Amino acid sequence: MAVTQQHSGAAYNSLTIGSKIIGSITTDSNIRVDGTIEGDVKCAGKLVVGEKGVIIGTIECENAEIMGTIDGKIQVKQSLALRATSRVKGEIYSQTLTVEPNAIFNGTCAMGNPTK
């Protein structure tokens, strides 16, 4: 189920555990994914993928914190953090990248301006 919530005065979207979306998502605010998305995600803010979260597709966002599973292309304009529980397969384009010990990343990475 997709839910819009208020947190500290800012709205963000959430896909809860057990929910699955097949198709693309576009949001003008932050989004947290704890369910599964099979499709592209465009986020004007920060994308957070929880430990149980799965995205299979292309991601475009301002910032991202990944704790779950990604299979596809990740384009982050500013900062991408791969936490210890993350599993990423595919391409990464980001201005900055943080990879914690035990994070799994198989693919290619290009640093700098991802829009070029």
PDB file of N, CA and C in Angstrom:
ATOM      1  N   MET A   1       0.837  -1.169   0.000  1.00  0.00           N
ATOM      2  CA  MET A   1       0.000   0.000   0.000  1.00  0.00           C
ATOM      3  C   MET A   1       0.887   1.239   0.000  1.00  0.00           C
ATOM      4  N   ALA A   2       0.596   2.179  -0.851  1.00  0.00           N
ATOM      5  CA  ALA A   2       1.330   3.436  -0.879  1.00  0.00           C
ATOM      6  C   ALA A   2       0.638   4.415   0.060  1.00  0.00           C
ATOM      7  N   VAL A   3       1.412   5.073   0.891  1.00  0.00           N
ATOM      8  CA  VAL A   3       0.875   5.969   1.902  1.00  0.00           C
ATOM      9  C   VAL A   3       1.673   7.262   1.877  1.00  0.00           C
ATOM     10  N   THR A   4       1.011   8.405   1.974  1.00  0.00           N
ATOM     11  CA  THR A   4       1.691   9.677   2.147  1.00  0.00           C
ATOM     12  C   THR A   4       1.592  10.047   3.609  1.00  0.00           C
ATOM     13  N   GLN A   5       2.743  10.356   4.221  1.00  0.00           N
ATOM     14  CA  GLN A   5       2.776  10.647   5.645  1.00  0.00           C
ATOM     15  C   GLN A   5       3.436  11.988   5.894  1.00  0.00           C
ATOM     16  N   GLN A   6       3.172  12.570   7.052  1.00  0.00           N
ATOM     17  CA  GLN A   6       3.824  13.786   7.496  1.00  0.00           C
ATOM     18  C   GLN A   6       4.853  13.408   8.544  1.00  0.00           C
ATOM     19  N   HIS A   7       6.068  13.928   8.415  1.00  0.00           N
ATOM     20  CA  HIS A   7       7.128  13.690   9.385  1.00  0.00           C
ATOM     21  C   HIS A   7       7.910  14.980   9.540  1.00  0.00           C
ATOM     22  N   SER A   8       7.911  15.541  10.716  1.00  0.00           N
ATOM     23  CA  SER A   8       8.624  16.796  10.985  1.00  0.00           C
ATOM     24  C   SER A   8       8.190  17.894  10.023  1.00  0.00           C
ATOM     25  N   GLY A   9       6.907  17.896   9.655  1.00  0.00           N
ATOM     26  CA  GLY A   9       6.371  18.928   8.792  1.00  0.00           C
ATOM     27  C   GLY A   9       6.562  18.687   7.308  1.00  0.00           C
ATOM     28  N   ALA A  10       7.327  17.639   6.926  1.00  0.00           N
ATOM     29  CA  ALA A  10       7.565  17.352   5.512  1.00  0.00           C
ATOM     30  C   ALA A  10       6.799  16.105   5.101  1.00  0.00           C
ATOM     31  N   ALA A  11       6.192  16.144   3.930  1.00  0.00           N
ATOM     32  CA  ALA A  11       5.444  14.989   3.438  1.00  0.00           C
ATOM     33  C   ALA A  11       6.402  14.024   2.747  1.00  0.00           C
ATOM     34  N   TYR A  12       6.146  12.727   2.931  1.00  0.00           N
ATOM     35  CA  TYR A  12       6.888  11.728   2.181  1.00  0.00           C
ATOM     36  C   TYR A  12       5.963  10.567   1.873  1.00  0.00           C
ATOM     37  N   ASN A  13       6.316   9.795   0.856  1.00  0.00           N
ATOM     38  CA  ASN A  13       5.530   8.651   0.428  1.00  0.00           C
ATOM     39  C   ASN A  13       6.163   7.376   0.957  1.00  0.00           C
ATOM     40  N   SER A  14       5.337   6.341   1.122  1.00  0.00           N
ATOM     41  CA  SER A  14       5.847   5.088   1.661  1.00  0.00           C
ATOM     42  C   SER A  14       5.136   3.908   1.006  1.00  0.00           C
ATOM     43  N   LEU A  15       5.922   2.897   0.615  1.00  0.00           N
ATOM     44  CA  LEU A  15       5.383   1.632   0.135  1.00  0.00           C
ATOM     45  C   LEU A  15       5.732   0.603   1.198  1.00  0.00           C
ATOM     46  N   THR A  16       4.725   0.053   1.838  1.00  0.00           N
ATOM     47  CA  THR A  16       4.937  -0.793   3.009  1.00  0.00           C
ATOM     48  C   THR A  16       5.310  -2.225   2.658  1.00  0.00           C
ATOM     49  N   ILE A  17       5.851  -2.937   3.657  1.00  0.00           N
ATOM     50  CA  ILE A  17       6.237  -4.341   3.505  1.00  0.00           C
ATOM     51  C   ILE A  17       5.009  -5.148   3.072  1.00  0.00           C
ATOM     52  N   GLY A  18       5.208  -6.036   2.114  1.00  0.00           N
ATOM     53  CA  GLY A  18       4.122  -6.872   1.610  1.00  0.00           C
ATOM     54  C   GLY A  18       3.387  -6.273   0.428  1.00  0.00           C
ATOM     55  N   SER A  19       3.680  -5.007   0.110  1.00  0.00           N
ATOM     56  CA  SER A  19       3.049  -4.357  -1.042  1.00  0.00           C
ATOM     57  C   SER A  19       3.933  -4.495  -2.265  1.00  0.00           C
ATOM     58  N   LYS A  20       3.295  -4.581  -3.447  1.00  0.00           N
ATOM     59  CA  LYS A  20       4.036  -4.713  -4.697  1.00  0.00           C
ATOM     60  C   LYS A  20       3.393  -3.824  -5.749  1.00  0.00           C
ATOM     61  N   ILE A  21       4.238  -3.079  -6.448  1.00  0.00           N
ATOM     62  CA  ILE A  21       3.781  -2.242  -7.553  1.00  0.00           C
ATOM     63  C   ILE A  21       4.495  -2.697  -8.814  1.00  0.00           C
ATOM     64  N   ILE A  22       3.731  -2.925  -9.869  1.00  0.00           N
ATOM     65  CA  ILE A  22       4.298  -3.210 -11.178  1.00  0.00           C
ATOM     66  C   ILE A  22       3.950  -2.012 -12.047  1.00  0.00           C
ATOM     67  N   GLY A  23       4.961  -1.208 -12.344  1.00  0.00           N
ATOM     68  CA  GLY A  23       4.760   0.037 -13.066  1.00  0.00           C
ATOM     69  C   GLY A  23       5.680   1.111 -12.524  1.00  0.00           C
ATOM     70  N   SER A  24       5.633   2.265 -13.125  1.00  0.00           N
ATOM     71  CA  SER A  24       6.523   3.360 -12.753  1.00  0.00           C
ATOM     72  C   SER A  24       5.917   4.258 -11.688  1.00  0.00           C
ATOM     73  N   ILE A  25       6.802   4.868 -10.881  1.00  0.00           N
ATOM     74  CA  ILE A  25       6.383   5.805  -9.833  1.00  0.00           C
ATOM     75  C   ILE A  25       7.147   7.106 -10.035  1.00  0.00           C
ATOM     76  N   THR A  26       6.444   8.231  -9.942  1.00  0.00           N
ATOM     77  CA  THR A  26       7.057   9.555  -9.964  1.00  0.00           C
ATOM     78  C   THR A  26       6.545  10.320  -8.759  1.00  0.00           C
ATOM     79  N   THR A  27       7.474  10.935  -8.008  1.00  0.00           N
ATOM     80  CA  THR A  27       7.064  11.704  -6.836  1.00  0.00           C
ATOM     81  C   THR A  27       7.874  12.992  -6.726  1.00  0.00           C
ATOM     82  N   ASP A  28       7.220  14.054  -6.275  1.00  0.00           N
ATOM     83  CA  ASP A  28       7.874  15.349  -6.076  1.00  0.00           C
ATOM     84  C   ASP A  28       8.471  15.473  -4.682  1.00  0.00           C
ATOM     85  N   SER A  29       8.286  14.451  -3.847  1.00  0.00           N
ATOM     86  CA  SER A  29       8.821  14.487  -2.486  1.00  0.00           C
ATOM     87  C   SER A  29       9.619  13.218  -2.216  1.00  0.00           C
ATOM     88  N   ASN A  30      10.018  13.025  -0.972  1.00  0.00           N
ATOM     89  CA  ASN A  30      10.779  11.842  -0.572  1.00  0.00           C
ATOM     90  C   ASN A  30       9.907  10.597  -0.625  1.00  0.00           C
ATOM     91  N   ILE A  31      10.549   9.425  -0.748  1.00  0.00           N
ATOM     92  CA  ILE A  31       9.818   8.169  -0.736  1.00  0.00           C
ATOM     93  C   ILE A  31      10.642   7.110  -0.019  1.00  0.00           C
ATOM     94  N   ARG A  32       9.948   6.278   0.747  1.00  0.00           N
ATOM     95  CA  ARG A  32      10.558   5.118   1.402  1.00  0.00           C
ATOM     96  C   ARG A  32       9.896   3.870   0.834  1.00  0.00           C
ATOM     97  N   VAL A  33      10.725   2.888   0.433  1.00  0.00           N
ATOM     98  CA  VAL A  33      10.221   1.649  -0.152  1.00  0.00           C
ATOM     99  C   VAL A  33      10.614   0.484   0.752  1.00  0.00           C
ATOM    100  N   ASP A  34       9.611  -0.167   1.319  1.00  0.00           N
ATOM    101  CA  ASP A  34       9.824  -1.382   2.106  1.00  0.00           C
ATOM    102  C   ASP A  34       9.166  -2.576   1.422  1.00  0.00           C
ATOM    103  N   GLY A  35       8.437  -2.330   0.350  1.00  0.00           N
ATOM    104  CA  GLY A  35       7.811  -3.377  -0.459  1.00  0.00           C
ATOM    105  C   GLY A  35       8.621  -3.603  -1.719  1.00  0.00           C
ATOM    106  N   THR A  36       7.942  -4.006  -2.802  1.00  0.00           N
ATOM    107  CA  THR A  36       8.598  -4.320  -4.067  1.00  0.00           C
ATOM    108  C   THR A  36       8.049  -3.441  -5.184  1.00  0.00           C
ATOM    109  N   ILE A  37       8.960  -2.898  -5.995  1.00  0.00           N
ATOM    110  CA  ILE A  37       8.587  -2.141  -7.186  1.00  0.00           C
ATOM    111  C   ILE A  37       9.279  -2.779  -8.378  1.00  0.00           C
ATOM    112  N   GLU A  38       8.475  -3.187  -9.358  1.00  0.00           N
ATOM    113  CA  GLU A  38       9.003  -3.663 -10.630  1.00  0.00           C
ATOM    114  C   GLU A  38       8.674  -2.594 -11.650  1.00  0.00           C
ATOM    115  N   GLY A  39       9.594  -1.670 -11.812  1.00  0.00           N
ATOM    116  CA  GLY A  39       9.392  -0.536 -12.701  1.00  0.00           C
ATOM    117  C   GLY A  39      10.326   0.583 -12.313  1.00  0.00           C
ATOM    118  N   ASP A  40      10.211   1.712 -12.985  1.00  0.00           N
ATOM    119  CA  ASP A  40      11.106   2.836 -12.754  1.00  0.00           C
ATOM    120  C   ASP A  40      10.597   3.730 -11.630  1.00  0.00           C
ATOM    121  N   VAL A  41      11.548   4.344 -10.910  1.00  0.00           N
ATOM    122  CA  VAL A  41      11.222   5.262  -9.817  1.00  0.00           C
ATOM    123  C   VAL A  41      11.920   6.585 -10.080  1.00  0.00           C
ATOM    124  N   LYS A  42      11.137   7.675 -10.171  1.00  0.00           N
ATOM    125  CA  LYS A  42      11.671   9.031 -10.296  1.00  0.00           C
ATOM    126  C   LYS A  42      11.249   9.801  -9.058  1.00  0.00           C
ATOM    127  N   CYS A  43      12.242  10.294  -8.335  1.00  0.00           N
ATOM    128  CA  CYS A  43      11.977  10.959  -7.067  1.00  0.00           C
ATOM    129  C   CYS A  43      12.724  12.285  -7.030  1.00  0.00           C
ATOM    130  N   ALA A  44      11.999  13.381  -6.811  1.00  0.00           N
ATOM    131  CA  ALA A  44      12.625  14.699  -6.760  1.00  0.00           C
ATOM    132  C   ALA A  44      13.367  14.925  -5.450  1.00  0.00           C
ATOM    133  N   GLY A  45      13.165  14.056  -4.466  1.00  0.00           N
ATOM    134  CA  GLY A  45      13.829  14.182  -3.169  1.00  0.00           C
ATOM    135  C   GLY A  45      14.716  12.991  -2.882  1.00  0.00           C
ATOM    136  N   LYS A  46      14.600  12.486  -1.648  1.00  0.00           N
ATOM    137  CA  LYS A  46      15.419  11.360  -1.198  1.00  0.00           C
ATOM    138  C   LYS A  46      14.638  10.054  -1.306  1.00  0.00           C
ATOM    139  N   LEU A  47      15.308   9.026  -1.811  1.00  0.00           N
ATOM    140  CA  LEU A  47      14.756   7.679  -1.871  1.00  0.00           C
ATOM    141  C   LEU A  47      15.429   6.846  -0.789  1.00  0.00           C
ATOM    142  N   VAL A  48      14.625   6.193   0.047  1.00  0.00           N
ATOM    143  CA  VAL A  48      15.139   5.264   1.045  1.00  0.00           C
ATOM    144  C   VAL A  48      14.535   3.902   0.735  1.00  0.00           C
ATOM    145  N   VAL A  49      15.403   2.893   0.567  1.00  0.00           N
ATOM    146  CA  VAL A  49      14.954   1.525   0.354  1.00  0.00           C
ATOM    147  C   VAL A  49      15.310   0.747   1.613  1.00  0.00           C
ATOM    148  N   GLY A  50      14.266   0.318   2.366  1.00  0.00           N
ATOM    149  CA  GLY A  50      14.470  -0.421   3.603  1.00  0.00           C
ATOM    150  C   GLY A  50      15.039  -1.810   3.351  1.00  0.00           C
ATOM    151  N   GLU A  51      15.405  -2.506   4.423  1.00  0.00           N
ATOM    152  CA  GLU A  51      16.027  -3.827   4.321  1.00  0.00           C
ATOM    153  C   GLU A  51      15.193  -4.821   3.535  1.00  0.00           C
ATOM    154  N   LYS A  52      13.868  -4.760   3.625  1.00  0.00           N
ATOM    155  CA  LYS A  52      12.985  -5.672   2.886  1.00  0.00           C
ATOM    156  C   LYS A  52      12.572  -5.103   1.534  1.00  0.00           C
ATOM    157  N   GLY A  53      12.990  -3.893   1.222  1.00  0.00           N
ATOM    158  CA  GLY A  53      12.616  -3.243  -0.026  1.00  0.00           C
ATOM    159  C   GLY A  53      13.355  -3.794  -1.228  1.00  0.00           C
ATOM    160  N   VAL A  54      12.656  -3.852  -2.364  1.00  0.00           N
ATOM    161  CA  VAL A  54      13.221  -4.348  -3.626  1.00  0.00           C
ATOM    162  C   VAL A  54      12.769  -3.427  -4.753  1.00  0.00           C
ATOM    163  N   ILE A  55      13.722  -2.981  -5.581  1.00  0.00           N
ATOM    164  CA  ILE A  55      13.384  -2.236  -6.789  1.00  0.00           C
ATOM    165  C   ILE A  55      14.090  -2.901  -7.957  1.00  0.00           C
ATOM    166  N   ILE A  56      13.299  -3.262  -8.973  1.00  0.00           N
ATOM    167  CA  ILE A  56      13.827  -3.830 -10.206  1.00  0.00           C
ATOM    168  C   ILE A  56      13.473  -2.845 -11.305  1.00  0.00           C
ATOM    169  N   GLY A  57      14.451  -2.048 -11.725  1.00  0.00           N
ATOM    170  CA  GLY A  57      14.200  -1.014 -12.715  1.00  0.00           C
ATOM    171  C   GLY A  57      15.200   0.106 -12.605  1.00  0.00           C
ATOM    172  N   THR A  58      14.883   1.237 -13.205  1.00  0.00           N
ATOM    173  CA  THR A  58      15.756   2.408 -13.199  1.00  0.00           C
ATOM    174  C   THR A  58      15.307   3.383 -12.122  1.00  0.00           C
ATOM    175  N   ILE A  59      16.273   3.902 -11.370  1.00  0.00           N
ATOM    176  CA  ILE A  59      16.012   4.870 -10.304  1.00  0.00           C
ATOM    177  C   ILE A  59      16.659   6.191 -10.682  1.00  0.00           C
ATOM    178  N   GLU A  60      15.902   7.284 -10.546  1.00  0.00           N
ATOM    179  CA  GLU A  60      16.431   8.634 -10.706  1.00  0.00           C
ATOM    180  C   GLU A  60      15.977   9.430  -9.496  1.00  0.00           C
ATOM    181  N   CYS A  61      16.955   9.988  -8.735  1.00  0.00           N
ATOM    182  CA  CYS A  61      16.588  10.754  -7.550  1.00  0.00           C
ATOM    183  C   CYS A  61      17.682  11.748  -7.188  1.00  0.00           C
ATOM    184  N   GLU A  62      17.384  12.582  -6.204  1.00  0.00           N
ATOM    185  CA  GLU A  62      18.330  13.585  -5.725  1.00  0.00           C
ATOM    186  C   GLU A  62      19.368  12.943  -4.795  1.00  0.00           C
ATOM    187  N   ASN A  63      18.899  12.171  -3.812  1.00  0.00           N
ATOM    188  CA  ASN A  63      19.737  11.451  -2.848  1.00  0.00           C
ATOM    189  C   ASN A  63      19.112  10.084  -2.611  1.00  0.00           C
ATOM    190  N   ALA A  64      19.926   9.108  -2.186  1.00  0.00           N
ATOM    191  CA  ALA A  64      19.385   7.781  -1.916  1.00  0.00           C
ATOM    192  C   ALA A  64      20.168   7.086  -0.814  1.00  0.00           C
ATOM    193  N   GLU A  65      19.432   6.310  -0.028  1.00  0.00           N
ATOM    194  CA  GLU A  65      20.002   5.459   1.006  1.00  0.00           C
ATOM    195  C   GLU A  65      19.414   4.066   0.774  1.00  0.00           C
ATOM    196  N   ILE A  66      20.281   3.095   0.465  1.00  0.00           N
ATOM    197  CA  ILE A  66      19.832   1.753   0.102  1.00  0.00           C
ATOM    198  C   ILE A  66      20.225   0.767   1.203  1.00  0.00           C
ATOM    199  N   MET A  67      19.219   0.086   1.750  1.00  0.00           N
ATOM    200  CA  MET A  67      19.440  -0.974   2.732  1.00  0.00           C
ATOM    201  C   MET A  67      18.932  -2.311   2.200  1.00  0.00           C
ATOM    202  N   GLY A  68      18.170  -2.261   1.109  1.00  0.00           N
ATOM    203  CA  GLY A  68      17.558  -3.453   0.523  1.00  0.00           C
ATOM    204  C   GLY A  68      18.211  -3.858  -0.778  1.00  0.00           C
ATOM    205  N   THR A  69      17.389  -4.300  -1.748  1.00  0.00           N
ATOM    206  CA  THR A  69      17.878  -4.893  -2.997  1.00  0.00           C
ATOM    207  C   THR A  69      17.486  -4.039  -4.198  1.00  0.00           C
ATOM    208  N   ILE A  70      18.477  -3.782  -5.063  1.00  0.00           N
ATOM    209  CA  ILE A  70      18.247  -3.047  -6.302  1.00  0.00           C
ATOM    210  C   ILE A  70      18.815  -3.867  -7.448  1.00  0.00           C
ATOM    211  N   ASP A  71      18.036  -4.006  -8.516  1.00  0.00           N
ATOM    212  CA  ASP A  71      18.519  -4.650  -9.734  1.00  0.00           C
ATOM    213  C   ASP A  71      18.179  -3.703 -10.876  1.00  0.00           C
ATOM    214  N   GLY A  72      19.179  -2.945 -11.320  1.00  0.00           N
ATOM    215  CA  GLY A  72      18.923  -1.981 -12.385  1.00  0.00           C
ATOM    216  C   GLY A  72      19.911  -0.840 -12.361  1.00  0.00           C
ATOM    217  N   LYS A  73      19.470   0.292 -12.863  1.00  0.00           N
ATOM    218  CA  LYS A  73      20.305   1.475 -13.007  1.00  0.00           C
ATOM    219  C   LYS A  73      19.918   2.499 -11.945  1.00  0.00           C
ATOM    220  N   ILE A  74      20.920   3.064 -11.256  1.00  0.00           N
ATOM    221  CA  ILE A  74      20.682   4.076 -10.221  1.00  0.00           C
ATOM    222  C   ILE A  74      21.370   5.363 -10.644  1.00  0.00           C
ATOM    223  N   GLN A  75      20.597   6.434 -10.822  1.00  0.00           N
ATOM    224  CA  GLN A  75      21.126   7.753 -11.141  1.00  0.00           C
ATOM    225  C   GLN A  75      20.773   8.692 -10.006  1.00  0.00           C
ATOM    226  N   VAL A  76      21.803   9.108  -9.254  1.00  0.00           N
ATOM    227  CA  VAL A  76      21.608   9.979  -8.098  1.00  0.00           C
ATOM    228  C   VAL A  76      22.352  11.287  -8.345  1.00  0.00           C
ATOM    229  N   LYS A  77      21.658  12.410  -8.251  1.00  0.00           N
ATOM    230  CA  LYS A  77      22.275  13.704  -8.534  1.00  0.00           C
ATOM    231  C   LYS A  77      23.308  14.104  -7.489  1.00  0.00           C
ATOM    232  N   GLN A  78      23.084  13.702  -6.222  1.00  0.00           N
ATOM    233  CA  GLN A  78      24.006  14.125  -5.178  1.00  0.00           C
ATOM    234  C   GLN A  78      24.660  12.929  -4.486  1.00  0.00           C
ATOM    235  N   SER A  79      24.044  12.399  -3.434  1.00  0.00           N
ATOM    236  CA  SER A  79      24.695  11.411  -2.575  1.00  0.00           C
ATOM    237  C   SER A  79      23.945  10.079  -2.538  1.00  0.00           C
ATOM    238  N   LEU A  80      24.706   8.982  -2.722  1.00  0.00           N
ATOM    239  CA  LEU A  80      24.167   7.631  -2.634  1.00  0.00           C
ATOM    240  C   LEU A  80      24.897   6.891  -1.528  1.00  0.00           C
ATOM    241  N   ALA A  81      24.145   6.270  -0.619  1.00  0.00           N
ATOM    242  CA  ALA A  81      24.721   5.476   0.468  1.00  0.00           C
ATOM    243  C   ALA A  81      24.234   4.036   0.346  1.00  0.00           C
ATOM    244  N   LEU A  82      25.185   3.102   0.226  1.00  0.00           N
ATOM    245  CA  LEU A  82      24.864   1.676   0.244  1.00  0.00           C
ATOM    246  C   LEU A  82      25.173   1.169   1.638  1.00  0.00           C
ATOM    247  N   ARG A  83      24.134   0.853   2.397  1.00  0.00           N
ATOM    248  CA  ARG A  83      24.300   0.388   3.775  1.00  0.00           C
ATOM    249  C   ARG A  83      24.708  -1.084   3.796  1.00  0.00           C
ATOM    250  N   ALA A  84      25.107  -1.583   4.953  1.00  0.00           N
ATOM    251  CA  ALA A  84      25.670  -2.929   5.106  1.00  0.00           C
ATOM    252  C   ALA A  84      24.759  -4.036   4.593  1.00  0.00           C
ATOM    253  N   THR A  85      23.440  -3.845   4.659  1.00  0.00           N
ATOM    254  CA  THR A  85      22.483  -4.875   4.244  1.00  0.00           C
ATOM    255  C   THR A  85      22.086  -4.777   2.779  1.00  0.00           C
ATOM    256  N   SER A  86      22.632  -3.801   2.053  1.00  0.00           N
ATOM    257  CA  SER A  86      22.220  -3.585   0.658  1.00  0.00           C
ATOM    258  C   SER A  86      22.819  -4.618  -0.282  1.00  0.00           C
ATOM    259  N   ARG A  87      22.041  -4.901  -1.359  1.00  0.00           N
ATOM    260  CA  ARG A  87      22.475  -5.770  -2.448  1.00  0.00           C
ATOM    261  C   ARG A  87      22.098  -5.061  -3.748  1.00  0.00           C
ATOM    262  N   VAL A  88      23.122  -4.598  -4.466  1.00  0.00           N
ATOM    263  CA  VAL A  88      22.886  -3.819  -5.683  1.00  0.00           C
ATOM    264  C   VAL A  88      23.561  -4.503  -6.857  1.00  0.00           C
ATOM    265  N   LYS A  89      22.777  -4.670  -7.937  1.00  0.00           N
ATOM    266  CA  LYS A  89      23.289  -5.246  -9.179  1.00  0.00           C
ATOM    267  C   LYS A  89      22.904  -4.293 -10.300  1.00  0.00           C
ATOM    268  N   GLY A  90      23.913  -3.780 -11.014  1.00  0.00           N
ATOM    269  CA  GLY A  90      23.611  -2.882 -12.119  1.00  0.00           C
ATOM    270  C   GLY A  90      24.575  -1.735 -12.233  1.00  0.00           C
ATOM    271  N   GLU A  91      24.069  -0.593 -12.694  1.00  0.00           N
ATOM    272  CA  GLU A  91      24.878   0.596 -12.943  1.00  0.00           C
ATOM    273  C   GLU A  91      24.578   1.654 -11.893  1.00  0.00           C
ATOM    274  N   ILE A  92      25.633   2.341 -11.438  1.00  0.00           N
ATOM    275  CA  ILE A  92      25.477   3.455 -10.506  1.00  0.00           C
ATOM    276  C   ILE A  92      26.102   4.694 -11.126  1.00  0.00           C
ATOM    277  N   TYR A  93      25.362   5.813 -11.092  1.00  0.00           N
ATOM    278  CA  TYR A  93      25.856   7.123 -11.476  1.00  0.00           C
ATOM    279  C   TYR A  93      25.536   8.043 -10.308  1.00  0.00           C
ATOM    280  N   SER A  94      26.574   8.637  -9.685  1.00  0.00           N
ATOM    281  CA  SER A  94      26.341   9.468  -8.514  1.00  0.00           C
ATOM    282  C   SER A  94      27.465  10.487  -8.355  1.00  0.00           C
ATOM    283  N   GLN A  95      27.146  11.599  -7.717  1.00  0.00           N
ATOM    284  CA  GLN A  95      28.147  12.599  -7.390  1.00  0.00           C
ATOM    285  C   GLN A  95      29.076  12.070  -6.294  1.00  0.00           C
ATOM    286  N   THR A  96      28.486  11.507  -5.226  1.00  0.00           N
ATOM    287  CA  THR A  96      29.254  10.887  -4.154  1.00  0.00           C
ATOM    288  C   THR A  96      28.650   9.525  -3.831  1.00  0.00           C
ATOM    289  N   LEU A  97      29.509   8.607  -3.378  1.00  0.00           N
ATOM    290  CA  LEU A  97      29.079   7.249  -3.061  1.00  0.00           C
ATOM    291  C   LEU A  97      29.718   6.809  -1.755  1.00  0.00           C
ATOM    292  N   THR A  98      28.882   6.301  -0.835  1.00  0.00           N
ATOM    293  CA  THR A  98      29.354   5.728   0.417  1.00  0.00           C
ATOM    294  C   THR A  98      28.951   4.263   0.424  1.00  0.00           C
ATOM    295  N   VAL A  99      29.929   3.378   0.659  1.00  0.00           N
ATOM    296  CA  VAL A  99      29.653   1.948   0.709  1.00  0.00           C
ATOM    297  C   VAL A  99      30.114   1.411   2.055  1.00  0.00           C
ATOM    298  N   GLU A 100      29.163   0.914   2.858  1.00  0.00           N
ATOM    299  CA  GLU A 100      29.497   0.348   4.158  1.00  0.00           C
ATOM    300  C   GLU A 100      30.062  -1.066   3.993  1.00  0.00           C
ATOM    301  N   PRO A 101      30.881  -1.518   4.965  1.00  0.00           N
ATOM    302  CA  PRO A 101      31.343  -2.911   4.941  1.00  0.00           C
ATOM    303  C   PRO A 101      30.152  -3.874   4.888  1.00  0.00           C
ATOM    304  N   ASN A 102      30.296  -4.960   4.153  1.00  0.00           N
ATOM    305  CA  ASN A 102      29.289  -6.002   3.947  1.00  0.00           C
ATOM    306  C   ASN A 102      28.217  -5.648   2.921  1.00  0.00           C
ATOM    307  N   ALA A 103      28.196  -4.427   2.415  1.00  0.00           N
ATOM    308  CA  ALA A 103      27.292  -4.099   1.304  1.00  0.00           C
ATOM    309  C   ALA A 103      27.777  -4.867   0.081  1.00  0.00           C
ATOM    310  N   ILE A 104      26.833  -5.316  -0.750  1.00  0.00           N
ATOM    311  CA  ILE A 104      27.174  -6.057  -1.960  1.00  0.00           C
ATOM    312  C   ILE A 104      26.822  -5.211  -3.170  1.00  0.00           C
ATOM    313  N   PHE A 105      27.823  -4.963  -4.038  1.00  0.00           N
ATOM    314  CA  PHE A 105      27.602  -4.209  -5.265  1.00  0.00           C
ATOM    315  C   PHE A 105      28.306  -4.923  -6.404  1.00  0.00           C
ATOM    316  N   ASN A 106      27.539  -5.346  -7.392  1.00  0.00           N
ATOM    317  CA  ASN A 106      28.065  -5.973  -8.601  1.00  0.00           C
ATOM    318  C   ASN A 106      27.583  -5.169  -9.793  1.00  0.00           C
ATOM    319  N   GLY A 107      28.527  -4.526 -10.462  1.00  0.00           N
ATOM    320  CA  GLY A 107      28.152  -3.725 -11.619  1.00  0.00           C
ATOM    321  C   GLY A 107      29.188  -2.670 -11.904  1.00  0.00           C
ATOM    322  N   THR A 108      28.735  -1.554 -12.495  1.00  0.00           N
ATOM    323  CA  THR A 108      29.624  -0.459 -12.839  1.00  0.00           C
ATOM    324  C   THR A 108      29.234   0.800 -12.084  1.00  0.00           C
ATOM    325  N   CYS A 109      30.215   1.673 -11.900  1.00  0.00           N
ATOM    326  CA  CYS A 109      29.966   2.929 -11.182  1.00  0.00           C
ATOM    327  C   CYS A 109      30.700   4.063 -11.876  1.00  0.00           C
ATOM    328  N   ALA A 110      30.013   5.172 -12.080  1.00  0.00           N
ATOM    329  CA  ALA A 110      30.614   6.392 -12.625  1.00  0.00           C
ATOM    330  C   ALA A 110      30.337   7.522 -11.642  1.00  0.00           C
ATOM    331  N   MET A 111      31.385   8.209 -11.242  1.00  0.00           N
ATOM    332  CA  MET A 111      31.253   9.314 -10.306  1.00  0.00           C
ATOM    333  C   MET A 111      31.270  10.637 -11.064  1.00  0.00           C
ATOM    334  N   GLY A 112      30.685  11.659 -10.467  1.00  0.00           N
ATOM    335  CA  GLY A 112      30.653  12.964 -11.090  1.00  0.00           C
ATOM    336  C   GLY A 112      29.230  13.349 -11.417  1.00  0.00           C
ATOM    337  N   ASN A 113      29.047  14.142 -12.452  1.00  0.00           N
ATOM    338  CA  ASN A 113      27.731  14.620 -12.828  1.00  0.00           C
ATOM    339  C   ASN A 113      26.980  13.531 -13.599  1.00  0.00           C
ATOM    340  N   PRO A 114      25.946  12.922 -12.973  1.00  0.00           N
ATOM    341  CA  PRO A 114      25.239  11.817 -13.629  1.00  0.00           C
ATOM    342  C   PRO A 114      24.337  12.230 -14.777  1.00  0.00           C
ATOM    343  N   THR A 115      24.117  13.513 -14.965  1.00  0.00           N
ATOM    344  CA  THR A 115      23.211  13.958 -16.029  1.00  0.00           C
ATOM    345  C   THR A 115      23.926  14.117 -17.360  1.00  0.00           C
ATOM    346  N   LYS A 116      25.241  13.976 -17.380  1.00  0.00           N
ATOM    347  CA  LYS A 116      25.988  14.120 -18.636  1.00  0.00           C
ATOM    348  C   LYS A 116      26.194  12.794 -19.299  1.00  0.00           C
TER     349      LYS A 116
END
